[in-house]
Structure formats: C-alpha cells, structure tokens
N, C-alpha and C. Protein backbone atom coordinates (compact mmCIF):
# COMPACT_ATOMS: atom_id res chain seq x y z
N MET A 1 -116.21 68.47 48.73
CA MET A 1 -114.98 67.18 47.89
C MET A 1 -113.78 67.05 48.84
N ARG A 2 -113.37 65.60 48.50
CA ARG A 2 -111.70 66.21 49.06
C ARG A 2 -110.70 65.54 48.22
N PRO A 3 -109.50 65.76 48.49
CA PRO A 3 -108.67 65.50 47.38
C PRO A 3 -108.80 63.50 47.54
N ILE A 4 -108.37 63.06 46.67
CA ILE A 4 -108.11 61.02 46.44
C ILE A 4 -106.40 61.43 47.47
N THR A 5 -106.84 60.50 48.39
CA THR A 5 -105.52 60.26 49.14
C THR A 5 -105.34 58.82 49.03
N ASN A 6 -106.05 57.64 48.39
CA ASN A 6 -105.57 56.37 48.66
C ASN A 6 -106.44 55.66 47.65
N ILE A 7 -106.02 54.72 47.12
CA ILE A 7 -106.37 53.64 46.14
C ILE A 7 -106.79 52.38 47.30
N ILE A 8 -107.78 52.15 46.74
CA ILE A 8 -108.59 50.89 47.73
C ILE A 8 -108.55 49.68 46.94
N ILE A 9 -107.84 48.21 47.05
CA ILE A 9 -108.15 47.30 46.21
C ILE A 9 -108.89 46.26 46.86
N HIS A 10 -109.80 45.66 46.13
CA HIS A 10 -110.91 44.64 46.57
C HIS A 10 -110.76 43.67 45.24
N CYS A 11 -111.46 42.35 45.96
CA CYS A 11 -112.27 41.51 45.03
C CYS A 11 -113.49 41.23 45.35
N SER A 12 -113.82 40.83 44.44
CA SER A 12 -115.77 40.53 44.34
C SER A 12 -115.83 39.44 44.79
N ALA A 13 -114.78 38.41 45.18
CA ALA A 13 -115.12 37.06 46.35
C ALA A 13 -116.71 36.51 45.70
N SER A 14 -116.54 36.53 43.94
CA SER A 14 -116.97 35.51 43.36
C SER A 14 -116.35 35.01 41.99
N ALA A 15 -117.11 34.12 41.80
CA ALA A 15 -115.84 33.02 40.44
C ALA A 15 -116.40 34.18 38.85
N PHE A 16 -117.11 35.05 39.05
CA PHE A 16 -117.87 35.48 37.92
C PHE A 16 -118.35 36.82 37.76
N GLY A 17 -118.34 37.72 37.02
CA GLY A 17 -119.29 39.20 37.69
C GLY A 17 -118.46 40.17 36.35
N ASN A 18 -118.97 41.27 36.44
CA ASN A 18 -119.09 42.23 35.32
C ASN A 18 -119.02 43.94 36.38
N THR A 19 -119.25 44.82 35.12
CA THR A 19 -119.72 45.76 35.78
C THR A 19 -121.19 46.02 36.25
N ASN A 20 -122.00 45.59 34.77
CA ASN A 20 -123.46 45.58 35.39
C ASN A 20 -124.02 44.48 36.45
N ILE A 21 -123.25 43.48 36.16
CA ILE A 21 -123.42 42.39 37.16
C ILE A 21 -123.34 43.06 38.78
N ILE A 22 -121.95 43.22 39.04
CA ILE A 22 -121.70 44.30 40.42
C ILE A 22 -122.88 45.43 40.71
N ARG A 23 -123.07 45.81 39.77
CA ARG A 23 -124.08 46.94 39.73
C ARG A 23 -125.93 46.65 40.48
N LYS A 24 -125.90 45.63 40.18
CA LYS A 24 -127.10 44.78 40.21
C LYS A 24 -127.08 44.75 41.37
N TRP A 25 -126.27 43.41 42.03
CA TRP A 25 -125.74 43.22 43.19
C TRP A 25 -125.81 44.28 44.21
N HIS A 26 -125.30 45.54 44.08
CA HIS A 26 -125.29 46.63 45.21
C HIS A 26 -126.34 47.72 44.84
N THR A 27 -126.88 47.64 43.93
CA THR A 27 -128.11 48.52 44.25
C THR A 27 -129.61 48.19 44.41
N GLU A 28 -129.70 46.38 44.16
CA GLU A 28 -131.18 45.89 45.07
C GLU A 28 -130.60 45.09 45.99
N PRO A 29 -132.32 45.51 46.51
CA PRO A 29 -132.12 44.78 48.42
C PRO A 29 -130.82 43.01 48.63
N PRO A 30 -130.26 43.34 49.15
CA PRO A 30 -130.28 43.98 50.46
C PRO A 30 -129.78 45.46 50.59
N ARG A 31 -128.70 45.58 49.57
CA ARG A 31 -127.87 46.62 49.43
C ARG A 31 -128.69 47.91 49.55
N GLY A 32 -129.28 48.13 48.09
CA GLY A 32 -130.27 49.35 48.04
C GLY A 32 -129.43 50.43 47.48
N TRP A 33 -127.86 50.47 47.18
CA TRP A 33 -126.95 51.64 47.05
C TRP A 33 -127.43 52.38 45.90
N LYS A 34 -127.01 53.86 45.96
CA LYS A 34 -127.47 54.57 44.41
C LYS A 34 -126.71 53.99 43.10
N ASP A 35 -125.73 53.34 43.39
CA ASP A 35 -125.03 52.83 42.12
C ASP A 35 -123.78 51.66 42.63
N ILE A 36 -123.09 51.23 41.62
CA ILE A 36 -122.10 50.43 41.85
C ILE A 36 -121.06 51.02 43.09
N GLY A 37 -120.36 50.25 43.87
CA GLY A 37 -119.36 50.83 44.85
C GLY A 37 -118.20 51.31 44.39
N TYR A 38 -117.72 50.35 43.46
CA TYR A 38 -116.45 50.53 42.61
C TYR A 38 -116.34 51.32 41.88
N HIS A 39 -115.14 52.00 41.78
CA HIS A 39 -114.95 53.25 40.41
C HIS A 39 -114.47 52.32 39.00
N PHE A 40 -113.65 51.22 39.49
CA PHE A 40 -112.96 50.33 38.66
C PHE A 40 -113.26 48.71 38.74
N ILE A 41 -113.23 48.13 37.81
CA ILE A 41 -113.59 46.47 37.78
C ILE A 41 -112.56 46.12 36.67
N ILE A 42 -112.02 45.00 37.07
CA ILE A 42 -110.76 44.17 36.07
C ILE A 42 -111.25 42.82 36.09
N LEU A 43 -111.91 42.48 34.77
CA LEU A 43 -112.38 41.07 34.62
C LEU A 43 -111.72 39.97 34.81
N ASN A 44 -111.83 38.78 34.99
CA ASN A 44 -111.36 37.54 35.05
C ASN A 44 -111.80 36.48 33.89
N GLY A 45 -112.56 37.44 32.71
CA GLY A 45 -113.15 36.01 31.73
C GLY A 45 -114.21 36.21 31.61
N ASN A 46 -114.63 35.18 33.13
CA ASN A 46 -115.98 35.03 33.81
C ASN A 46 -117.01 35.49 33.78
N VAL A 47 -117.72 35.96 32.87
CA VAL A 47 -118.87 37.45 32.96
C VAL A 47 -119.88 36.35 33.61
N ASP A 48 -120.67 35.75 32.63
CA ASP A 48 -121.77 34.66 33.45
C ASP A 48 -121.78 33.55 33.50
N PRO A 49 -121.57 32.52 34.58
CA PRO A 49 -121.62 31.50 34.73
C PRO A 49 -122.59 30.60 34.14
N ASP A 50 -123.60 31.09 33.60
CA ASP A 50 -124.91 30.32 32.65
C ASP A 50 -124.52 30.36 31.49
N ASN A 51 -123.55 31.26 30.77
CA ASN A 51 -123.62 31.40 29.37
C ASN A 51 -122.18 30.58 28.95
N ASN A 52 -122.32 29.76 27.99
CA ASN A 52 -121.35 28.88 27.59
C ASN A 52 -120.25 29.62 26.55
N ILE A 53 -120.72 30.79 26.28
CA ILE A 53 -119.41 31.64 25.41
C ILE A 53 -118.25 31.92 26.20
N ASP A 54 -117.02 31.89 24.93
CA ASP A 54 -116.00 31.78 25.25
C ASP A 54 -115.38 33.25 25.77
N PHE A 55 -115.55 33.87 27.09
CA PHE A 55 -115.54 35.64 27.53
C PHE A 55 -113.63 35.53 27.74
N TYR A 56 -112.81 35.01 27.70
CA TYR A 56 -111.26 34.75 27.99
C TYR A 56 -110.90 36.07 27.49
N THR A 57 -111.30 36.12 26.34
CA THR A 57 -110.85 37.77 25.54
C THR A 57 -111.04 38.43 26.44
N LEU A 58 -111.90 38.69 27.53
CA LEU A 58 -112.21 39.69 28.22
C LEU A 58 -111.12 40.13 29.84
N ASP A 59 -110.62 38.66 29.38
CA ASP A 59 -109.52 38.89 31.03
C ASP A 59 -108.61 39.90 30.78
N GLY A 60 -108.85 40.38 31.87
CA GLY A 60 -107.48 41.72 32.27
C GLY A 60 -108.53 42.96 31.98
N MET A 61 -109.22 43.00 31.29
CA MET A 61 -110.18 44.06 30.59
C MET A 61 -110.80 45.02 31.97
N ILE A 62 -110.22 46.79 31.31
CA ILE A 62 -110.63 47.59 32.76
C ILE A 62 -111.89 47.88 32.63
N GLU A 63 -113.42 47.84 33.49
CA GLU A 63 -114.52 48.72 33.12
C GLU A 63 -114.88 49.69 34.26
N CYS A 64 -115.40 50.63 34.18
CA CYS A 64 -115.41 51.62 34.82
C CYS A 64 -116.55 51.49 35.68
N GLY A 65 -117.01 51.80 36.60
CA GLY A 65 -117.95 51.56 37.44
C GLY A 65 -118.63 53.27 37.84
N ARG A 66 -118.67 53.73 38.69
CA ARG A 66 -118.42 55.06 39.42
C ARG A 66 -117.93 55.60 38.14
N GLN A 67 -118.62 56.62 38.27
CA GLN A 67 -117.24 57.87 37.35
C GLN A 67 -116.77 58.79 37.93
N LEU A 68 -115.76 58.92 37.62
CA LEU A 68 -114.57 60.00 38.11
C LEU A 68 -114.26 60.60 37.02
N ASN A 69 -113.67 62.06 37.67
CA ASN A 69 -113.45 63.01 36.96
C ASN A 69 -111.64 63.17 36.37
N ASP A 70 -111.02 64.22 36.00
CA ASP A 70 -109.67 63.93 36.17
C ASP A 70 -109.73 65.13 37.51
N ASP A 71 -110.22 65.88 38.21
CA ASP A 71 -109.74 66.63 39.09
C ASP A 71 -108.99 66.32 40.23
N GLY A 72 -109.36 65.48 40.95
CA GLY A 72 -108.19 64.72 41.71
C GLY A 72 -108.81 65.02 43.17
N PHE A 73 -110.33 65.46 42.72
CA PHE A 73 -111.17 65.53 44.19
C PHE A 73 -112.57 64.27 43.84
N ILE A 74 -112.90 63.93 45.10
CA ILE A 74 -114.02 62.91 45.30
C ILE A 74 -115.38 64.36 45.28
N ASP A 75 -116.12 63.96 44.35
CA ASP A 75 -117.34 64.82 44.68
C ASP A 75 -118.46 63.93 45.12
N ASP A 76 -119.64 64.41 45.52
CA ASP A 76 -120.85 63.82 45.56
C ASP A 76 -121.14 62.37 44.96
N VAL A 77 -121.11 63.41 43.61
CA VAL A 77 -121.35 61.95 42.44
C VAL A 77 -120.63 60.82 42.25
N GLU A 78 -119.33 61.15 42.74
CA GLU A 78 -118.05 60.60 42.53
C GLU A 78 -118.17 59.48 43.73
N LEU A 79 -118.86 59.72 44.88
CA LEU A 79 -118.25 59.07 46.30
C LEU A 79 -119.06 57.46 45.95
N GLY A 80 -117.58 56.75 46.10
CA GLY A 80 -118.20 55.22 45.92
C GLY A 80 -118.20 54.66 47.43
N ALA A 81 -118.56 53.47 46.89
CA ALA A 81 -119.01 52.52 48.50
C ALA A 81 -118.40 51.32 48.28
N HIS A 82 -117.30 51.84 48.94
CA HIS A 82 -116.32 50.44 48.82
C HIS A 82 -115.47 50.05 50.38
N ALA A 83 -114.95 51.07 51.13
CA ALA A 83 -115.02 50.79 51.79
C ALA A 83 -114.54 51.79 53.30
N LEU A 84 -115.32 51.60 54.40
CA LEU A 84 -116.06 52.58 55.35
C LEU A 84 -115.04 53.64 55.74
N GLY A 85 -115.19 54.76 55.86
CA GLY A 85 -114.30 55.86 55.98
C GLY A 85 -113.24 56.03 55.61
N TYR A 86 -113.07 55.83 53.85
CA TYR A 86 -112.57 55.69 53.30
C TYR A 86 -112.81 56.47 51.64
N ASN A 87 -114.38 55.98 51.84
CA ASN A 87 -114.96 56.52 50.85
C ASN A 87 -114.58 57.90 50.29
N ALA A 88 -114.75 58.85 51.15
CA ALA A 88 -114.83 60.28 50.34
C ALA A 88 -113.73 60.61 50.07
N SER A 89 -112.36 59.89 50.25
CA SER A 89 -111.20 60.53 49.49
C SER A 89 -110.48 59.18 48.94
N SER A 90 -111.23 58.00 48.54
CA SER A 90 -110.29 57.23 47.97
C SER A 90 -111.10 56.64 46.44
N VAL A 91 -109.87 55.94 45.78
CA VAL A 91 -110.90 55.30 44.41
C VAL A 91 -110.78 53.58 44.82
N GLY A 92 -111.83 53.14 44.19
CA GLY A 92 -112.12 51.38 44.61
C GLY A 92 -111.85 50.93 43.22
N ILE A 93 -110.89 49.52 43.46
CA ILE A 93 -110.67 48.77 42.11
C ILE A 93 -110.99 47.20 42.63
N CYS A 94 -112.08 47.05 41.76
CA CYS A 94 -112.41 45.43 42.22
C CYS A 94 -111.90 44.57 41.10
N LEU A 95 -111.49 43.44 41.68
CA LEU A 95 -110.67 42.14 40.37
C LEU A 95 -111.41 41.37 40.43
N ILE A 96 -112.30 40.71 39.60
CA ILE A 96 -112.94 39.60 39.75
C ILE A 96 -112.93 38.49 39.87
N GLY A 97 -113.29 37.41 41.07
CA GLY A 97 -112.16 36.54 41.85
C GLY A 97 -112.93 36.70 43.26
N ASP A 98 -111.98 35.54 43.60
CA ASP A 98 -112.27 35.32 45.10
C ASP A 98 -110.34 35.57 45.88
N LYS A 99 -109.90 34.23 44.93
CA LYS A 99 -108.30 33.76 46.04
C LYS A 99 -107.57 33.42 44.86
N ALA A 100 -107.62 33.43 43.19
CA ALA A 100 -106.89 33.10 42.20
C ALA A 100 -107.32 34.32 41.09
N PHE A 101 -106.36 35.14 40.69
CA PHE A 101 -106.00 36.45 39.66
C PHE A 101 -105.28 35.64 38.55
N SER A 102 -105.88 35.92 37.75
CA SER A 102 -104.86 35.63 36.12
C SER A 102 -103.84 36.66 36.11
N PRO A 103 -102.87 36.41 35.58
CA PRO A 103 -101.78 36.70 34.78
C PRO A 103 -102.58 38.18 34.37
N ASP A 104 -103.29 38.47 33.46
CA ASP A 104 -103.78 39.86 33.22
C ASP A 104 -104.22 40.40 33.86
N GLN A 105 -104.90 39.92 34.59
CA GLN A 105 -105.81 40.40 35.58
C GLN A 105 -104.84 41.59 36.63
N PHE A 106 -103.46 40.90 37.37
CA PHE A 106 -102.33 41.67 37.95
C PHE A 106 -101.77 42.35 36.90
N ASN A 107 -101.55 42.20 35.24
CA ASN A 107 -101.32 43.48 34.78
C ASN A 107 -102.00 44.42 34.42
N ALA A 108 -103.41 44.29 34.14
CA ALA A 108 -103.74 45.29 34.31
C ALA A 108 -104.09 46.34 35.33
N LEU A 109 -104.45 45.45 36.46
CA LEU A 109 -104.01 46.15 37.59
C LEU A 109 -103.11 47.59 38.20
N GLN A 110 -101.71 46.47 37.85
CA GLN A 110 -100.32 47.39 37.43
C GLN A 110 -100.60 48.55 36.93
N ARG A 111 -100.77 48.67 35.81
CA ARG A 111 -100.99 49.34 35.00
C ARG A 111 -102.09 50.44 35.67
N LEU A 112 -103.40 50.13 35.68
CA LEU A 112 -104.64 51.11 36.23
C LEU A 112 -103.47 51.66 37.12
N VAL A 113 -103.28 51.34 38.47
CA VAL A 113 -103.15 51.66 39.46
C VAL A 113 -101.46 52.92 39.39
N LYS A 114 -100.78 52.51 38.63
CA LYS A 114 -99.56 53.19 38.05
C LYS A 114 -99.75 54.24 37.73
N GLU A 115 -100.58 54.73 36.70
CA GLU A 115 -101.68 55.47 35.97
C GLU A 115 -102.09 56.30 37.03
N LEU A 116 -103.02 55.65 37.87
CA LEU A 116 -103.41 57.16 38.55
C LEU A 116 -102.70 57.62 39.55
N MET A 117 -101.79 56.46 40.31
CA MET A 117 -100.85 57.19 41.11
C MET A 117 -100.29 58.65 40.64
N GLN A 118 -99.68 58.20 39.67
CA GLN A 118 -98.98 59.75 38.82
C GLN A 118 -99.70 60.74 38.66
N LYS A 119 -100.94 60.30 38.49
CA LYS A 119 -102.29 61.44 37.95
C LYS A 119 -102.43 62.12 39.11
N TRP A 120 -102.53 61.53 40.01
CA TRP A 120 -102.87 62.42 41.48
C TRP A 120 -101.67 62.50 42.56
N ASN A 121 -100.66 61.76 41.64
CA ASN A 121 -99.14 62.02 42.94
C ASN A 121 -99.48 61.59 43.97
N LEU A 122 -99.68 59.87 43.91
CA LEU A 122 -99.63 59.39 45.11
C LEU A 122 -98.75 58.06 45.22
N PRO A 123 -98.65 58.24 46.71
CA PRO A 123 -96.95 57.34 47.10
C PRO A 123 -97.60 55.72 47.20
N LYS A 124 -96.76 54.92 46.76
CA LYS A 124 -97.11 53.48 46.70
C LYS A 124 -97.68 53.28 48.35
N GLU A 125 -97.38 54.11 49.23
CA GLU A 125 -97.90 53.78 50.53
C GLU A 125 -99.74 53.97 50.62
N ALA A 126 -99.49 54.31 49.74
CA ALA A 126 -100.94 55.12 49.38
C ALA A 126 -102.18 53.89 48.94
N ILE A 127 -102.02 53.20 48.45
CA ILE A 127 -102.46 52.04 47.75
C ILE A 127 -102.51 50.70 48.72
N LEU A 128 -103.55 50.66 49.01
CA LEU A 128 -103.81 49.39 50.11
C LEU A 128 -105.31 48.53 49.53
N GLY A 129 -105.07 47.29 50.54
CA GLY A 129 -105.88 46.29 50.15
C GLY A 129 -107.06 46.69 51.10
N HIS A 130 -108.05 45.96 51.15
CA HIS A 130 -109.56 46.50 51.82
C HIS A 130 -108.93 45.81 52.84
N CYS A 131 -108.68 45.08 53.28
CA CYS A 131 -108.19 44.56 54.45
C CYS A 131 -107.15 45.09 55.35
N GLU A 132 -106.66 46.16 55.07
CA GLU A 132 -105.69 46.86 55.84
C GLU A 132 -105.86 48.49 56.02
N THR A 133 -107.62 48.79 55.47
CA THR A 133 -108.26 50.15 55.89
C THR A 133 -108.59 49.77 57.49
N ASP A 134 -108.82 50.61 58.25
CA ASP A 134 -109.15 50.56 59.75
C ASP A 134 -110.61 49.83 59.71
N SER A 135 -111.54 50.12 58.27
CA SER A 135 -112.94 49.41 58.67
C SER A 135 -112.90 47.58 57.86
N GLY A 136 -112.19 47.57 57.39
CA GLY A 136 -111.23 46.03 56.82
C GLY A 136 -110.94 45.15 57.87
N LYS A 137 -109.93 45.77 58.86
CA LYS A 137 -109.71 45.26 59.72
C LYS A 137 -110.56 44.30 60.56
N ALA A 138 -111.57 45.78 60.69
CA ALA A 138 -112.47 46.06 62.55
C ALA A 138 -113.57 44.63 61.80
N GLN A 139 -113.87 44.14 60.62
CA GLN A 139 -114.13 43.54 59.30
C GLN A 139 -113.49 42.16 59.81
N GLY A 140 -112.84 42.44 59.74
CA GLY A 140 -111.67 40.74 59.52
C GLY A 140 -111.98 40.59 58.09
N LYS A 141 -111.90 41.29 57.15
CA LYS A 141 -111.70 41.51 56.03
C LYS A 141 -110.32 40.80 55.64
N THR A 142 -110.15 39.83 54.47
CA THR A 142 -109.09 39.08 53.70
C THR A 142 -109.16 39.59 52.57
N CYS A 143 -109.86 40.67 51.91
CA CYS A 143 -110.01 40.97 50.47
C CYS A 143 -108.90 42.27 50.54
N PRO A 144 -107.87 42.14 48.99
CA PRO A 144 -108.29 41.31 48.03
C PRO A 144 -107.44 39.94 47.83
N ASN A 145 -107.31 39.48 48.92
CA ASN A 145 -106.55 37.83 48.88
C ASN A 145 -105.67 37.91 48.28
N PHE A 146 -104.69 38.70 48.33
CA PHE A 146 -103.06 38.84 47.98
C PHE A 146 -102.29 39.27 48.74
N ASP A 147 -101.58 39.24 48.43
CA ASP A 147 -99.91 40.06 49.17
C ASP A 147 -100.21 41.42 48.20
N MET A 148 -100.33 42.55 48.88
CA MET A 148 -100.63 44.13 48.93
C MET A 148 -98.95 44.32 48.96
N ASP A 149 -97.97 43.50 49.64
CA ASP A 149 -96.16 44.13 50.05
C ASP A 149 -95.73 44.06 48.55
N TRP A 150 -96.66 42.73 47.73
CA TRP A 150 -96.41 42.32 46.66
C TRP A 150 -96.54 43.55 45.85
N LEU A 151 -97.84 43.40 45.37
CA LEU A 151 -98.35 44.41 44.57
C LEU A 151 -97.54 46.16 45.22
N ARG A 152 -97.41 46.67 45.89
CA ARG A 152 -96.61 47.62 46.09
C ARG A 152 -95.13 47.88 45.71
N GLY A 153 -94.58 46.38 46.09
CA GLY A 153 -93.27 45.86 45.36
C GLY A 153 -93.10 46.62 43.68
N LYS A 154 -93.91 46.36 42.93
CA LYS A 154 -94.25 46.44 41.52
C LYS A 154 -94.42 47.43 41.25
N LEU A 155 -94.97 48.42 41.92
CA LEU A 155 -95.60 50.14 41.22
C LEU A 155 -94.26 50.80 41.38
C-alpha cells in the first residue's frame, strides 16, 4: 500500500462513454485489464452514440470506476491502470470527450478534485494531466487536452 500523492486527469478521447463502456474497452482484448483503469469518470451527456435518448441530464455526472476506500492509500484492489509509473500512488479521473468539454464537466471536475485534495491533504502541484506525467511525456500524450495550469488556478 502506498499513500495517495497525485490525482491524474485524463480524457476518454471519445465523443461518448460512461463507466460501463470504458470498463468494456479496458477489460476486453486487446487490453484485457482486470477492471476499468480510472477511479472516476465525468460524463458529457453522450453515453451511447446509437441511442437517440436525450442524456444531457447526465452532463457533469460523476461515476465511480475502480473502487477506493477512504484510508488515503492505494492497495492492490484499488490500483488503477491509467498512468504508467503513477498508478500505485494516484487516483485517475477521466472526462468523457476529446478536445471539448462542457461547463458542467469542468464544474464537476473542480468539485471532485477539491474534495479529494482536502481529504488527502494534497497540494495543487499534485494535480497532473496525463500529458504531464513522465510516461505521458514519453508517449507524447496530450490528454486531457486542456490547460492544466488553468485548472490548478481554479483549485
């Protein structure tokens, strides 16, 4: 078990999705992971592109991915799969979307990150975009595709 030292922000790089869809993407081949990689997913209201139902009431809704307890440590069951080299000590948050996110998503992200920072006594500097991690840089990631300094300034 390691203490939580970072919160890593991601985007799904898809126009749609939710926890169940991302769990399917992560657990089926070619990945074949044991569970979804993220701890939290923030919806954009577009859950299923083939369904014509209005899901915009879900815009900004936060869903739980991998379960976390409140002890401030990542154990084997809670270990995410979202940022190589950071998984053992970080929480992964994914916004559904690619390069554009709704105001409701950003409001939900700010509320969630503030709550987690307070719970685990994390400084703003501990909040990173996937592109700011060592592995993200090495892989040329741009995720989460928005200015992380702007987000840290809002916290």
